[in-house]
C-alpha cells in the first residue's frame, strides 16, 4: 500500500534536551513515543547549542539538509565531527 505523506500532519515534538524540534515523518509502531519506537524518520531543526540527546540502543543516521551544519563532540574526546556538507 502506498500512502501520500502530508507535511501538515507531521507531529513536532520538542527535543529531549530542549534545544530544538523534530518533525516526525513516520514512526513504527505508529504512535510510539521517544523511548519506545522500533524505527523512525524525522527532520530536526536545531534551535541552540546543547548536549546531543541520548537514545541508548538506537543506531542513528544523520544527514544535513540545509543550514550551516553542526559540530558533534563528546566529553571524552572520542567524537569530534563536523557535519557541514548538505546531503553528505
N, C-alpha and C. Protein backbone atom coordinates (compact mmCIF):
# COMPACT_ATOMS: atom_id res chain seq x y z
N UNK A 1 0.84 -1.18 0.00
CA UNK A 1 0.00 0.00 0.00
C UNK A 1 0.88 1.24 0.00
N UNK A 2 0.56 2.20 -0.84
CA UNK A 2 1.30 3.45 -0.92
C UNK A 2 0.45 4.54 -0.27
N UNK A 3 1.09 5.31 0.60
CA UNK A 3 0.41 6.42 1.27
C UNK A 3 1.14 7.71 0.95
N UNK A 4 0.38 8.75 0.69
CA UNK A 4 0.99 10.05 0.46
C UNK A 4 1.24 10.72 1.80
N UNK A 5 2.45 11.28 1.97
CA UNK A 5 2.80 11.95 3.21
C UNK A 5 2.37 13.40 3.14
N UNK A 6 1.75 13.90 4.18
CA UNK A 6 1.26 15.27 4.25
C UNK A 6 2.07 16.01 5.32
N UNK A 7 3.01 16.91 4.90
CA UNK A 7 3.83 17.62 5.89
C UNK A 7 3.02 18.37 6.94
N UNK A 8 1.83 18.77 6.62
CA UNK A 8 0.99 19.46 7.59
C UNK A 8 0.54 18.57 8.74
N UNK A 9 0.68 17.27 8.57
CA UNK A 9 0.25 16.33 9.60
C UNK A 9 1.41 15.77 10.43
N UNK A 10 2.65 16.14 10.10
CA UNK A 10 3.78 15.65 10.89
C UNK A 10 3.67 16.17 12.31
N UNK A 11 3.90 15.31 13.29
CA UNK A 11 3.94 15.79 14.67
C UNK A 11 5.27 16.50 14.88
N UNK A 12 5.31 17.42 15.81
CA UNK A 12 6.50 18.24 16.04
C UNK A 12 6.90 18.21 17.53
N UNK A 13 7.42 17.07 17.98
CA UNK A 13 7.80 17.01 19.39
C UNK A 13 9.10 17.78 19.66
N UNK A 14 9.20 18.42 20.83
CA UNK A 14 10.46 19.07 21.19
C UNK A 14 11.52 18.02 21.49
N UNK A 15 12.76 18.41 21.34
CA UNK A 15 13.85 17.51 21.66
C UNK A 15 13.88 17.19 23.14
N UNK A 16 14.45 16.05 23.47
CA UNK A 16 14.59 15.65 24.87
C UNK A 16 15.42 16.68 25.64
N UNK A 17 16.40 17.32 24.97
CA UNK A 17 17.26 18.28 25.67
C UNK A 17 16.77 19.72 25.54
N UNK A 18 15.65 19.93 24.85
CA UNK A 18 15.07 21.27 24.73
C UNK A 18 15.73 22.17 23.70
N UNK A 19 16.73 21.68 22.95
CA UNK A 19 17.48 22.52 22.02
C UNK A 19 16.96 22.56 20.61
N UNK A 20 15.80 22.01 20.36
CA UNK A 20 15.26 22.01 19.01
C UNK A 20 13.93 21.29 18.93
N UNK A 21 13.47 21.12 17.70
CA UNK A 21 12.20 20.47 17.43
C UNK A 21 12.40 19.47 16.31
N UNK A 22 11.70 18.36 16.36
CA UNK A 22 11.76 17.34 15.32
C UNK A 22 10.41 17.27 14.61
N UNK A 23 10.44 17.22 13.29
CA UNK A 23 9.22 16.94 12.52
C UNK A 23 9.26 15.45 12.21
N UNK A 24 8.44 14.71 12.86
CA UNK A 24 8.44 13.26 12.70
C UNK A 24 7.62 12.89 11.45
N UNK A 25 8.30 12.29 10.47
CA UNK A 25 7.66 11.92 9.21
C UNK A 25 6.94 10.60 9.34
N UNK A 26 7.62 9.61 9.90
CA UNK A 26 7.00 8.30 10.11
C UNK A 26 7.69 7.63 11.29
N UNK A 27 6.92 6.85 12.01
CA UNK A 27 7.43 6.16 13.19
C UNK A 27 6.73 4.82 13.29
N UNK A 28 7.49 3.80 13.65
CA UNK A 28 6.90 2.47 13.83
C UNK A 28 7.28 1.94 15.20
N UNK A 29 6.38 1.40 15.95
CA UNK A 29 4.96 1.35 15.64
C UNK A 29 4.35 2.74 15.68
N UNK A 30 3.30 2.93 14.90
CA UNK A 30 2.62 4.21 14.83
C UNK A 30 2.19 4.66 16.22
N UNK A 31 2.50 5.92 16.53
CA UNK A 31 2.12 6.46 17.83
C UNK A 31 3.11 6.20 18.95
N UNK A 32 4.21 5.51 18.65
CA UNK A 32 5.21 5.23 19.69
C UNK A 32 5.83 6.53 20.18
N UNK A 33 6.25 6.54 21.41
CA UNK A 33 6.90 7.71 21.99
C UNK A 33 8.40 7.68 21.74
N UNK A 34 9.08 8.68 22.27
CA UNK A 34 10.52 8.83 22.05
C UNK A 34 11.33 7.70 22.67
N UNK A 35 10.78 6.96 23.57
CA UNK A 35 11.53 5.90 24.21
C UNK A 35 11.16 4.50 23.79
N UNK A 36 10.18 4.37 22.89
CA UNK A 36 9.75 3.00 22.57
C UNK A 36 9.45 2.76 21.10
N UNK A 37 10.09 3.52 20.20
CA UNK A 37 9.90 3.27 18.77
C UNK A 37 10.86 2.19 18.29
N UNK A 38 10.46 1.46 17.25
CA UNK A 38 11.35 0.49 16.61
C UNK A 38 12.26 1.19 15.61
N UNK A 39 11.69 2.13 14.84
CA UNK A 39 12.43 2.96 13.91
C UNK A 39 11.60 4.20 13.59
N UNK A 40 12.28 5.25 13.14
CA UNK A 40 11.57 6.46 12.75
C UNK A 40 12.41 7.29 11.79
N UNK A 41 11.73 8.14 11.05
CA UNK A 41 12.36 9.09 10.14
C UNK A 41 11.86 10.46 10.55
N UNK A 42 12.79 11.40 10.73
CA UNK A 42 12.38 12.73 11.16
C UNK A 42 13.33 13.78 10.60
N UNK A 43 12.87 15.01 10.62
CA UNK A 43 13.68 16.16 10.21
C UNK A 43 13.78 17.07 11.43
N UNK A 44 15.00 17.37 11.83
CA UNK A 44 15.21 18.17 13.03
C UNK A 44 15.60 19.60 12.69
N UNK A 45 15.19 20.52 13.54
CA UNK A 45 15.60 21.91 13.45
C UNK A 45 16.37 22.22 14.73
N UNK A 46 17.64 22.59 14.58
CA UNK A 46 18.47 22.91 15.74
C UNK A 46 18.26 24.37 16.10
N UNK A 47 17.77 24.62 17.31
CA UNK A 47 17.49 25.97 17.76
C UNK A 47 18.66 26.56 18.55
N UNK A 48 19.42 25.71 19.24
CA UNK A 48 20.52 26.21 20.06
C UNK A 48 21.54 25.11 20.32
N UNK A 49 22.74 25.52 20.70
CA UNK A 49 23.77 24.57 21.09
C UNK A 49 23.32 23.81 22.33
N UNK A 50 23.81 22.59 22.46
CA UNK A 50 23.49 21.84 23.66
C UNK A 50 23.90 20.40 23.51
N UNK A 51 23.66 19.62 24.55
CA UNK A 51 24.03 18.21 24.51
C UNK A 51 23.18 17.43 23.52
N UNK A 52 23.80 16.44 22.91
CA UNK A 52 23.13 15.56 21.97
C UNK A 52 22.25 14.61 22.75
N UNK A 53 20.98 14.52 22.41
CA UNK A 53 20.06 13.64 23.15
C UNK A 53 20.45 12.18 22.97
N UNK A 54 20.49 11.46 24.05
CA UNK A 54 20.86 10.05 24.03
C UNK A 54 19.64 9.18 23.76
N UNK A 55 19.82 8.21 22.89
CA UNK A 55 18.82 7.18 22.63
C UNK A 55 19.55 5.84 22.71
N UNK A 56 19.80 5.35 23.92
CA UNK A 56 20.56 4.11 24.09
C UNK A 56 19.97 2.97 23.27
N UNK A 57 20.84 2.25 22.57
CA UNK A 57 20.42 1.11 21.77
C UNK A 57 19.89 1.46 20.40
N UNK A 58 19.89 2.74 20.04
CA UNK A 58 19.37 3.17 18.74
C UNK A 58 20.53 3.61 17.85
N UNK A 59 20.63 3.00 16.66
CA UNK A 59 21.60 3.44 15.66
C UNK A 59 21.01 4.64 14.94
N UNK A 60 21.82 5.69 14.74
CA UNK A 60 21.31 6.91 14.13
C UNK A 60 22.07 7.22 12.85
N UNK A 61 21.35 7.71 11.87
CA UNK A 61 21.93 8.21 10.62
C UNK A 61 21.53 9.67 10.53
N UNK A 62 22.51 10.56 10.45
CA UNK A 62 22.23 12.00 10.45
C UNK A 62 22.76 12.59 9.16
N UNK A 63 21.91 13.33 8.45
CA UNK A 63 22.27 13.96 7.20
C UNK A 63 21.87 15.42 7.26
N UNK A 64 22.79 16.32 6.93
CA UNK A 64 22.49 17.74 6.88
C UNK A 64 21.67 18.02 5.63
N UNK A 65 20.50 18.65 5.80
CA UNK A 65 19.66 19.01 4.66
C UNK A 65 19.93 20.44 4.22
N UNK A 66 20.11 21.35 5.19
CA UNK A 66 20.39 22.75 4.87
C UNK A 66 20.96 23.42 6.11
N UNK A 67 21.47 24.63 5.92
CA UNK A 67 21.99 25.40 7.04
C UNK A 67 23.49 25.26 7.19
N UNK A 68 23.99 25.84 8.27
CA UNK A 68 25.42 25.92 8.49
C UNK A 68 26.07 24.66 9.02
N UNK A 69 25.27 23.68 9.39
CA UNK A 69 25.83 22.43 9.87
C UNK A 69 25.86 22.35 11.37
N UNK A 70 26.53 21.32 11.86
CA UNK A 70 26.61 21.05 13.29
C UNK A 70 27.96 20.42 13.59
N UNK A 71 28.47 20.70 14.77
CA UNK A 71 29.75 20.13 15.21
C UNK A 71 29.45 19.23 16.40
N UNK A 72 29.66 17.93 16.22
CA UNK A 72 29.40 16.95 17.26
C UNK A 72 30.69 16.61 17.99
N UNK A 73 30.67 16.77 19.31
CA UNK A 73 31.84 16.48 20.14
C UNK A 73 31.40 15.73 21.39
N UNK A 74 32.18 14.74 21.77
CA UNK A 74 31.88 14.03 23.01
C UNK A 74 32.77 14.57 24.13
N UNK A 75 32.30 14.44 25.35
CA UNK A 75 33.05 14.91 26.51
C UNK A 75 34.40 14.20 26.63
N UNK A 76 34.45 12.92 26.19
CA UNK A 76 35.69 12.16 26.32
C UNK A 76 36.65 12.37 25.14
N UNK A 77 36.25 13.17 24.15
CA UNK A 77 37.12 13.45 23.01
C UNK A 77 37.13 12.38 21.93
N UNK A 78 36.39 11.30 22.11
CA UNK A 78 36.38 10.24 21.10
C UNK A 78 35.60 10.64 19.85
N UNK A 79 34.67 11.57 19.99
CA UNK A 79 33.90 12.06 18.84
C UNK A 79 34.21 13.53 18.66
N UNK A 80 34.65 13.90 17.47
CA UNK A 80 34.88 15.29 17.08
C UNK A 80 34.61 15.36 15.59
N UNK A 81 33.37 15.61 15.24
CA UNK A 81 32.95 15.52 13.84
C UNK A 81 32.12 16.74 13.45
N UNK A 82 32.50 17.37 12.36
CA UNK A 82 31.74 18.50 11.83
C UNK A 82 30.91 18.00 10.65
N UNK A 83 29.61 18.19 10.75
CA UNK A 83 28.69 17.83 9.68
C UNK A 83 28.28 19.15 9.03
N UNK A 84 28.90 19.48 7.88
CA UNK A 84 28.63 20.78 7.28
C UNK A 84 28.48 20.74 5.76
N UNK A 85 28.34 19.55 5.18
CA UNK A 85 28.12 19.41 3.75
C UNK A 85 26.72 18.83 3.54
N UNK A 86 25.80 19.61 2.95
CA UNK A 86 24.45 19.10 2.76
C UNK A 86 24.43 17.79 1.96
N UNK A 87 23.61 16.87 2.43
CA UNK A 87 23.35 15.58 1.79
C UNK A 87 24.55 14.65 1.74
N UNK A 88 25.62 14.95 2.48
CA UNK A 88 26.79 14.07 2.51
C UNK A 88 26.58 12.94 3.51
